[in-house]
């Protein structure tokens, strides 16, 4: 499939998130806490988007799936903005280096374990069930 090269565009939100990070810093619903609002909202929207993508046929709807994944990754990048800002807000300056290390290590560990688990699920349960499980885990977190 010649469209597979377009998957490299999925990293674009992580590169461009600096463009909308000032909006995340400026706007939020303070009832939940400024950054907690963004974290919960983005996590929920990411789970819903993954659930919708679970019902797409890979071969027949590859472009739609690619757009859906781009949207989900944009939600993840936006959540990362809020998570980093919340960490800076909560941690003392002397704790930020260690906190950042833990946050980075947790991200890599999550990607390794999550990526491995989803590959096993894909092989045993198939596309739809695997993505629905992923969406459920994302929403529960």
N, C-alpha and C. Protein backbone atom coordinates (compact mmCIF):
# COMPACT_ATOMS: atom_id res chain seq x y z
N UNK A 1 0.86 -1.17 0.00
CA UNK A 1 0.00 0.00 0.00
C UNK A 1 0.90 1.24 0.00
N UNK A 2 0.79 2.05 -1.02
CA UNK A 2 1.66 3.23 -1.16
C UNK A 2 1.33 4.35 -0.18
N UNK A 3 0.18 4.31 0.46
CA UNK A 3 -0.22 5.34 1.41
C UNK A 3 0.46 5.19 2.77
N UNK A 4 1.13 4.07 3.01
CA UNK A 4 1.74 3.80 4.30
C UNK A 4 2.78 4.86 4.67
N UNK A 5 3.39 5.48 3.68
CA UNK A 5 4.36 6.54 3.93
C UNK A 5 3.76 7.75 4.62
N UNK A 6 2.45 7.92 4.50
CA UNK A 6 1.77 9.04 5.16
C UNK A 6 1.76 8.90 6.69
N UNK A 7 2.04 7.71 7.20
CA UNK A 7 2.02 7.53 8.65
C UNK A 7 3.09 8.35 9.35
N UNK A 8 4.11 8.77 8.62
CA UNK A 8 5.14 9.62 9.24
C UNK A 8 4.55 10.98 9.65
N UNK A 9 3.43 11.35 9.05
CA UNK A 9 2.77 12.61 9.44
C UNK A 9 2.17 12.55 10.85
N UNK A 10 2.04 11.34 11.40
CA UNK A 10 1.45 11.20 12.72
C UNK A 10 2.29 11.81 13.83
N UNK A 11 3.56 12.07 13.56
CA UNK A 11 4.41 12.71 14.58
C UNK A 11 4.28 14.23 14.55
N UNK A 12 3.59 14.76 13.57
CA UNK A 12 3.46 16.21 13.41
C UNK A 12 2.88 16.93 14.63
N UNK A 13 1.84 16.41 15.29
CA UNK A 13 1.32 17.13 16.46
C UNK A 13 2.37 17.32 17.57
N UNK A 14 3.25 16.36 17.75
CA UNK A 14 4.28 16.48 18.78
C UNK A 14 5.27 17.58 18.42
N UNK A 15 5.52 17.75 17.13
CA UNK A 15 6.43 18.79 16.67
C UNK A 15 5.80 20.17 16.76
N UNK A 16 4.51 20.25 16.45
CA UNK A 16 3.83 21.54 16.36
C UNK A 16 3.09 21.96 17.62
N UNK A 17 3.11 21.14 18.67
CA UNK A 17 2.33 21.47 19.86
C UNK A 17 2.75 22.78 20.50
N UNK A 18 3.93 23.22 20.24
CA UNK A 18 4.39 24.51 20.76
C UNK A 18 3.50 25.65 20.26
N UNK A 19 2.84 25.45 19.13
CA UNK A 19 2.00 26.50 18.55
C UNK A 19 0.71 26.72 19.34
N UNK A 20 0.14 25.67 19.95
CA UNK A 20 -1.09 25.85 20.70
C UNK A 20 -0.89 25.73 22.22
N UNK A 21 0.33 25.55 22.65
CA UNK A 21 0.57 25.47 24.10
C UNK A 21 0.19 26.76 24.84
N UNK A 22 0.36 27.96 24.24
CA UNK A 22 -0.10 29.15 24.96
C UNK A 22 -1.61 29.16 25.22
N UNK A 23 -2.39 28.54 24.35
CA UNK A 23 -3.84 28.45 24.57
C UNK A 23 -4.15 27.56 25.77
N UNK A 24 -3.40 26.50 25.92
CA UNK A 24 -3.60 25.60 27.06
C UNK A 24 -3.23 26.31 28.36
N UNK A 25 -2.18 27.12 28.31
CA UNK A 25 -1.77 27.88 29.50
C UNK A 25 -2.78 28.97 29.86
N UNK A 26 -3.42 29.53 28.87
CA UNK A 26 -4.31 30.67 29.10
C UNK A 26 -5.73 30.25 29.48
N UNK A 27 -6.25 29.22 28.82
CA UNK A 27 -7.66 28.86 29.00
C UNK A 27 -7.80 27.51 29.68
N UNK A 28 -8.78 27.42 30.56
CA UNK A 28 -9.08 26.17 31.24
C UNK A 28 -10.26 26.36 32.16
N UNK A 29 -10.83 25.27 32.60
CA UNK A 29 -11.97 25.34 33.49
C UNK A 29 -11.45 25.09 34.90
N UNK A 30 -11.45 26.13 35.71
CA UNK A 30 -10.77 26.06 37.00
C UNK A 30 -11.51 25.24 38.04
N UNK A 31 -12.74 24.84 37.79
CA UNK A 31 -13.46 24.01 38.75
C UNK A 31 -12.70 22.70 38.99
N UNK A 32 -12.14 22.13 37.94
CA UNK A 32 -11.36 20.90 38.07
C UNK A 32 -9.90 21.20 38.36
N UNK A 33 -9.50 22.41 38.14
CA UNK A 33 -8.09 22.77 38.15
C UNK A 33 -7.71 23.05 36.71
N UNK A 34 -6.99 24.10 36.49
CA UNK A 34 -6.71 24.57 35.13
C UNK A 34 -6.15 23.46 34.24
N UNK A 35 -5.07 22.84 34.65
CA UNK A 35 -4.44 21.83 33.79
C UNK A 35 -5.13 20.48 33.90
N UNK A 36 -5.72 20.16 35.04
CA UNK A 36 -6.45 18.90 35.18
C UNK A 36 -7.63 18.85 34.21
N UNK A 37 -8.26 20.00 33.98
CA UNK A 37 -9.34 20.08 33.00
C UNK A 37 -8.85 19.59 31.64
N UNK A 38 -7.71 20.12 31.19
CA UNK A 38 -7.17 19.75 29.88
C UNK A 38 -6.77 18.27 29.84
N UNK A 39 -6.17 17.79 30.92
CA UNK A 39 -5.74 16.39 30.97
C UNK A 39 -6.93 15.45 30.84
N UNK A 40 -7.96 15.68 31.64
CA UNK A 40 -9.15 14.82 31.61
C UNK A 40 -9.87 14.93 30.27
N UNK A 41 -10.02 16.15 29.76
CA UNK A 41 -10.70 16.35 28.48
C UNK A 41 -9.95 15.65 27.34
N UNK A 42 -8.65 15.85 27.25
CA UNK A 42 -7.88 15.26 26.16
C UNK A 42 -7.84 13.74 26.27
N UNK A 43 -7.71 13.21 27.49
CA UNK A 43 -7.70 11.76 27.69
C UNK A 43 -9.03 11.17 27.24
N UNK A 44 -10.13 11.81 27.59
CA UNK A 44 -11.46 11.33 27.21
C UNK A 44 -11.65 11.37 25.69
N UNK A 45 -11.28 12.49 25.09
CA UNK A 45 -11.43 12.62 23.63
C UNK A 45 -10.53 11.63 22.89
N UNK A 46 -9.35 11.38 23.43
CA UNK A 46 -8.44 10.42 22.81
C UNK A 46 -9.06 9.01 22.86
N UNK A 47 -9.64 8.63 23.99
CA UNK A 47 -10.29 7.33 24.10
C UNK A 47 -11.45 7.18 23.15
N UNK A 48 -12.26 8.21 23.04
CA UNK A 48 -13.40 8.18 22.12
C UNK A 48 -12.93 8.06 20.67
N UNK A 49 -11.89 8.81 20.33
CA UNK A 49 -11.37 8.76 18.95
C UNK A 49 -10.81 7.38 18.63
N UNK A 50 -10.10 6.77 19.56
CA UNK A 50 -9.57 5.42 19.34
C UNK A 50 -10.72 4.43 19.18
N UNK A 51 -11.77 4.58 19.98
CA UNK A 51 -12.93 3.69 19.87
C UNK A 51 -13.59 3.82 18.49
N UNK A 52 -13.72 5.04 17.99
CA UNK A 52 -14.28 5.24 16.65
C UNK A 52 -13.39 4.58 15.60
N UNK A 53 -12.08 4.73 15.74
CA UNK A 53 -11.14 4.13 14.78
C UNK A 53 -11.19 2.62 14.80
N UNK A 54 -11.61 2.04 15.92
CA UNK A 54 -11.70 0.58 16.03
C UNK A 54 -12.66 -0.01 15.01
N UNK A 55 -13.64 0.77 14.60
CA UNK A 55 -14.65 0.26 13.68
C UNK A 55 -14.35 0.56 12.22
N UNK A 56 -13.19 1.14 11.95
CA UNK A 56 -12.81 1.43 10.57
C UNK A 56 -12.08 0.24 9.96
N UNK A 57 -12.37 -0.01 8.72
CA UNK A 57 -11.68 -1.05 7.97
C UNK A 57 -10.34 -0.49 7.49
N UNK A 58 -9.26 -1.16 7.85
CA UNK A 58 -7.92 -0.67 7.51
C UNK A 58 -7.72 -0.46 6.01
N UNK A 59 -8.15 -1.39 5.22
CA UNK A 59 -7.91 -1.31 3.79
C UNK A 59 -8.86 -0.34 3.09
N UNK A 60 -10.12 -0.36 3.48
CA UNK A 60 -11.12 0.46 2.80
C UNK A 60 -11.10 1.92 3.26
N UNK A 61 -10.68 2.16 4.50
CA UNK A 61 -10.75 3.51 5.07
C UNK A 61 -9.41 3.97 5.63
N UNK A 62 -8.33 3.68 4.94
CA UNK A 62 -7.00 3.99 5.49
C UNK A 62 -6.81 5.49 5.73
N UNK A 63 -7.24 6.32 4.81
CA UNK A 63 -7.08 7.77 4.97
C UNK A 63 -7.92 8.26 6.15
N UNK A 64 -9.15 7.76 6.30
CA UNK A 64 -9.99 8.15 7.42
C UNK A 64 -9.34 7.70 8.73
N UNK A 65 -8.79 6.49 8.73
CA UNK A 65 -8.10 5.98 9.91
C UNK A 65 -6.88 6.86 10.22
N UNK A 66 -6.14 7.23 9.21
CA UNK A 66 -4.98 8.09 9.40
C UNK A 66 -5.38 9.43 10.01
N UNK A 67 -6.46 10.00 9.53
CA UNK A 67 -6.97 11.26 10.09
C UNK A 67 -7.40 11.05 11.54
N UNK A 68 -8.10 9.96 11.82
CA UNK A 68 -8.52 9.65 13.18
C UNK A 68 -7.34 9.51 14.13
N UNK A 69 -6.31 8.82 13.68
CA UNK A 69 -5.12 8.66 14.51
C UNK A 69 -4.39 9.99 14.69
N UNK A 70 -4.40 10.83 13.65
CA UNK A 70 -3.80 12.16 13.77
C UNK A 70 -4.54 12.99 14.82
N UNK A 71 -5.86 12.88 14.83
CA UNK A 71 -6.66 13.58 15.83
C UNK A 71 -6.34 13.05 17.23
N UNK A 72 -6.29 11.72 17.39
CA UNK A 72 -5.99 11.12 18.69
C UNK A 72 -4.60 11.53 19.17
N UNK A 73 -3.64 11.57 18.28
CA UNK A 73 -2.29 11.97 18.65
C UNK A 73 -2.23 13.46 18.98
N UNK A 74 -3.04 14.25 18.32
CA UNK A 74 -3.12 15.67 18.67
C UNK A 74 -3.67 15.84 20.09
N UNK A 75 -4.67 15.03 20.43
CA UNK A 75 -5.18 15.05 21.81
C UNK A 75 -4.08 14.64 22.79
N UNK A 76 -3.30 13.63 22.43
CA UNK A 76 -2.22 13.17 23.31
C UNK A 76 -1.15 14.26 23.48
N UNK A 77 -0.80 14.93 22.39
CA UNK A 77 0.19 16.00 22.47
C UNK A 77 -0.31 17.16 23.31
N UNK A 78 -1.60 17.46 23.19
CA UNK A 78 -2.20 18.54 23.98
C UNK A 78 -2.22 18.15 25.45
N UNK A 79 -2.53 16.91 25.73
CA UNK A 79 -2.51 16.43 27.10
C UNK A 79 -1.09 16.53 27.66
N UNK A 80 -0.10 16.25 26.85
CA UNK A 80 1.29 16.33 27.28
C UNK A 80 1.66 17.76 27.68
N UNK A 81 1.14 18.73 26.95
CA UNK A 81 1.37 20.14 27.31
C UNK A 81 0.85 20.40 28.72
N UNK A 82 -0.39 19.96 28.96
CA UNK A 82 -1.02 20.20 30.27
C UNK A 82 -0.32 19.42 31.37
N UNK A 83 0.10 18.20 31.08
CA UNK A 83 0.80 17.38 32.08
C UNK A 83 2.12 18.02 32.47
N UNK A 84 2.87 18.48 31.48
CA UNK A 84 4.15 19.14 31.77
C UNK A 84 3.93 20.41 32.58
N UNK A 85 2.91 21.18 32.22
CA UNK A 85 2.63 22.42 32.94
C UNK A 85 2.19 22.14 34.37
N UNK A 86 1.39 21.09 34.56
CA UNK A 86 0.96 20.73 35.90
C UNK A 86 2.15 20.29 36.75
N UNK A 87 3.06 19.54 36.13
CA UNK A 87 4.26 19.11 36.86
C UNK A 87 5.09 20.31 37.30
N UNK A 88 5.24 21.29 36.43
CA UNK A 88 5.99 22.50 36.78
C UNK A 88 5.28 23.25 37.90
N UNK A 89 3.95 23.25 37.85
CA UNK A 89 3.16 23.95 38.86
C UNK A 89 3.26 23.25 40.23
N UNK A 90 3.27 21.94 40.24
CA UNK A 90 3.24 21.17 41.49
C UNK A 90 4.64 21.02 42.11
N UNK A 91 5.63 20.74 41.27
CA UNK A 91 6.97 20.44 41.78
C UNK A 91 7.74 21.70 42.15
N UNK A 92 8.52 21.57 43.20
CA UNK A 92 9.44 22.64 43.57
C UNK A 92 10.56 22.67 42.54
N UNK A 93 11.20 23.81 42.35
CA UNK A 93 12.30 23.88 41.37
C UNK A 93 13.37 22.80 41.58
N UNK A 94 13.65 22.46 42.82
CA UNK A 94 14.68 21.45 43.09
C UNK A 94 14.21 20.04 42.73
N UNK A 95 12.90 19.83 42.58
CA UNK A 95 12.34 18.51 42.27
C UNK A 95 12.08 18.32 40.78
N UNK A 96 12.16 19.36 40.02
CA UNK A 96 11.75 19.30 38.61
C UNK A 96 12.63 18.41 37.75
N UNK A 97 13.91 18.40 37.99
CA UNK A 97 14.80 17.54 37.20
C UNK A 97 14.46 16.07 37.40
N UNK A 98 14.32 15.66 38.65
CA UNK A 98 13.96 14.28 38.96
C UNK A 98 12.56 13.97 38.44
N UNK A 99 11.63 14.89 38.63
CA UNK A 99 10.27 14.71 38.15
C UNK A 99 10.22 14.53 36.64
N UNK A 100 11.01 15.32 35.94
CA UNK A 100 11.06 15.21 34.48
C UNK A 100 11.65 13.86 34.07
N UNK A 101 12.65 13.40 34.80
CA UNK A 101 13.25 12.09 34.50
C UNK A 101 12.23 10.97 34.67
N UNK A 102 11.49 11.04 35.78
CA UNK A 102 10.46 10.02 36.04
C UNK A 102 9.38 10.07 34.97
N UNK A 103 8.98 11.28 34.60
CA UNK A 103 7.94 11.45 33.57
C UNK A 103 8.43 10.89 32.23
N UNK A 104 9.65 11.18 31.86
CA UNK A 104 10.20 10.67 30.60
C UNK A 104 10.34 9.17 30.60
N UNK A 105 10.86 8.62 31.70
CA UNK A 105 11.02 7.16 31.81
C UNK A 105 9.66 6.47 31.77
N UNK A 106 8.68 7.05 32.45
CA UNK A 106 7.34 6.48 32.43
C UNK A 106 6.74 6.48 31.04
N UNK A 107 7.01 7.54 30.30
CA UNK A 107 6.52 7.62 28.92
C UNK A 107 7.12 6.54 28.03
N UNK A 108 8.44 6.35 28.16
CA UNK A 108 9.11 5.31 27.36
C UNK A 108 8.67 3.92 27.78
N UNK A 109 8.56 3.69 29.08
CA UNK A 109 8.12 2.38 29.56
C UNK A 109 6.69 2.09 29.10
N UNK A 110 5.84 3.11 29.17
CA UNK A 110 4.47 2.94 28.71
C UNK A 110 4.39 2.64 27.22
N UNK A 111 5.24 3.30 26.44
CA UNK A 111 5.25 3.05 25.00
C UNK A 111 5.74 1.64 24.69
N UNK A 112 6.75 1.20 25.40
CA UNK A 112 7.29 -0.15 25.17
C UNK A 112 6.27 -1.21 25.57
N UNK A 113 5.77 -1.10 26.81
CA UNK A 113 4.81 -2.10 27.28
C UNK A 113 3.50 -2.02 26.51
N UNK A 114 2.98 -0.80 26.34
CA UNK A 114 1.73 -0.63 25.61
C UNK A 114 1.83 -1.09 24.17
N UNK A 115 2.93 -0.76 23.53
CA UNK A 115 3.13 -1.18 22.14
C UNK A 115 3.20 -2.69 22.02
N UNK A 116 3.90 -3.32 22.96
CA UNK A 116 4.01 -4.79 22.95
C UNK A 116 2.67 -5.45 23.22
N UNK A 117 1.94 -4.93 24.19
CA UNK A 117 0.65 -5.51 24.53
C UNK A 117 -0.34 -5.36 23.37
N UNK A 118 -0.35 -4.19 22.74
CA UNK A 118 -1.30 -4.00 21.64
C UNK A 118 -0.96 -4.92 20.46
N UNK A 119 0.31 -5.19 20.23
CA UNK A 119 0.68 -6.12 19.16
C UNK A 119 0.21 -7.54 19.47
N UNK A 120 0.33 -7.94 20.72
CA UNK A 120 -0.16 -9.27 21.13
C UNK A 120 -1.68 -9.32 20.98
N UNK A 121 -2.35 -8.25 21.44
CA UNK A 121 -3.82 -8.22 21.32
C UNK A 121 -4.26 -8.24 19.87
N UNK A 122 -3.56 -7.48 19.02
CA UNK A 122 -3.92 -7.48 17.59
C UNK A 122 -3.84 -8.87 17.00
N UNK A 123 -2.82 -9.61 17.39
CA UNK A 123 -2.63 -10.95 16.85
C UNK A 123 -3.69 -11.92 17.37
N UNK A 124 -4.09 -11.76 18.62
CA UNK A 124 -5.02 -12.72 19.21
C UNK A 124 -6.49 -12.29 19.09
N UNK A 125 -6.77 -11.00 19.22
CA UNK A 125 -8.16 -10.54 19.24
C UNK A 125 -8.61 -9.82 17.97
N UNK A 126 -7.67 -9.37 17.18
CA UNK A 126 -8.03 -8.63 15.97
C UNK A 126 -8.10 -7.13 16.22
N UNK A 127 -8.29 -6.39 15.13
CA UNK A 127 -8.25 -4.93 15.13
C UNK A 127 -9.30 -4.29 16.03
N UNK A 128 -10.56 -4.60 15.82
CA UNK A 128 -11.65 -3.91 16.53
C UNK A 128 -11.57 -4.14 18.03
N UNK A 129 -11.47 -5.37 18.44
CA UNK A 129 -11.42 -5.66 19.88
C UNK A 129 -10.18 -5.05 20.53
N UNK A 130 -9.06 -5.13 19.85
CA UNK A 130 -7.81 -4.58 20.41
C UNK A 130 -7.92 -3.08 20.62
N UNK A 131 -8.43 -2.37 19.63
CA UNK A 131 -8.56 -0.93 19.78
C UNK A 131 -9.62 -0.55 20.80
N UNK A 132 -10.67 -1.33 20.90
CA UNK A 132 -11.67 -1.05 21.93
C UNK A 132 -11.09 -1.24 23.33
N UNK A 133 -10.26 -2.25 23.50
CA UNK A 133 -9.57 -2.43 24.78
C UNK A 133 -8.64 -1.26 25.06
N UNK A 134 -7.91 -0.84 24.02
CA UNK A 134 -7.02 0.32 24.18
C UNK A 134 -7.81 1.56 24.56
N UNK A 135 -8.93 1.79 23.90
CA UNK A 135 -9.77 2.94 24.20
C UNK A 135 -10.29 2.88 25.64
N UNK A 136 -10.69 1.72 26.07
CA UNK A 136 -11.17 1.55 27.45
C UNK A 136 -10.07 1.85 28.45
N UNK A 137 -8.87 1.37 28.20
CA UNK A 137 -7.74 1.62 29.09
C UNK A 137 -7.43 3.11 29.13
N UNK A 138 -7.44 3.76 27.98
CA UNK A 138 -7.17 5.20 27.92
C UNK A 138 -8.21 5.97 28.72
N UNK A 139 -9.47 5.60 28.59
CA UNK A 139 -10.53 6.30 29.31
C UNK A 139 -10.45 6.03 30.81
N UNK A 140 -10.14 4.80 31.19
CA UNK A 140 -10.02 4.46 32.61
C UNK A 140 -8.85 5.19 33.28
N UNK A 141 -7.78 5.38 32.52
CA UNK A 141 -6.63 6.07 33.10
C UNK A 141 -6.96 7.52 33.36
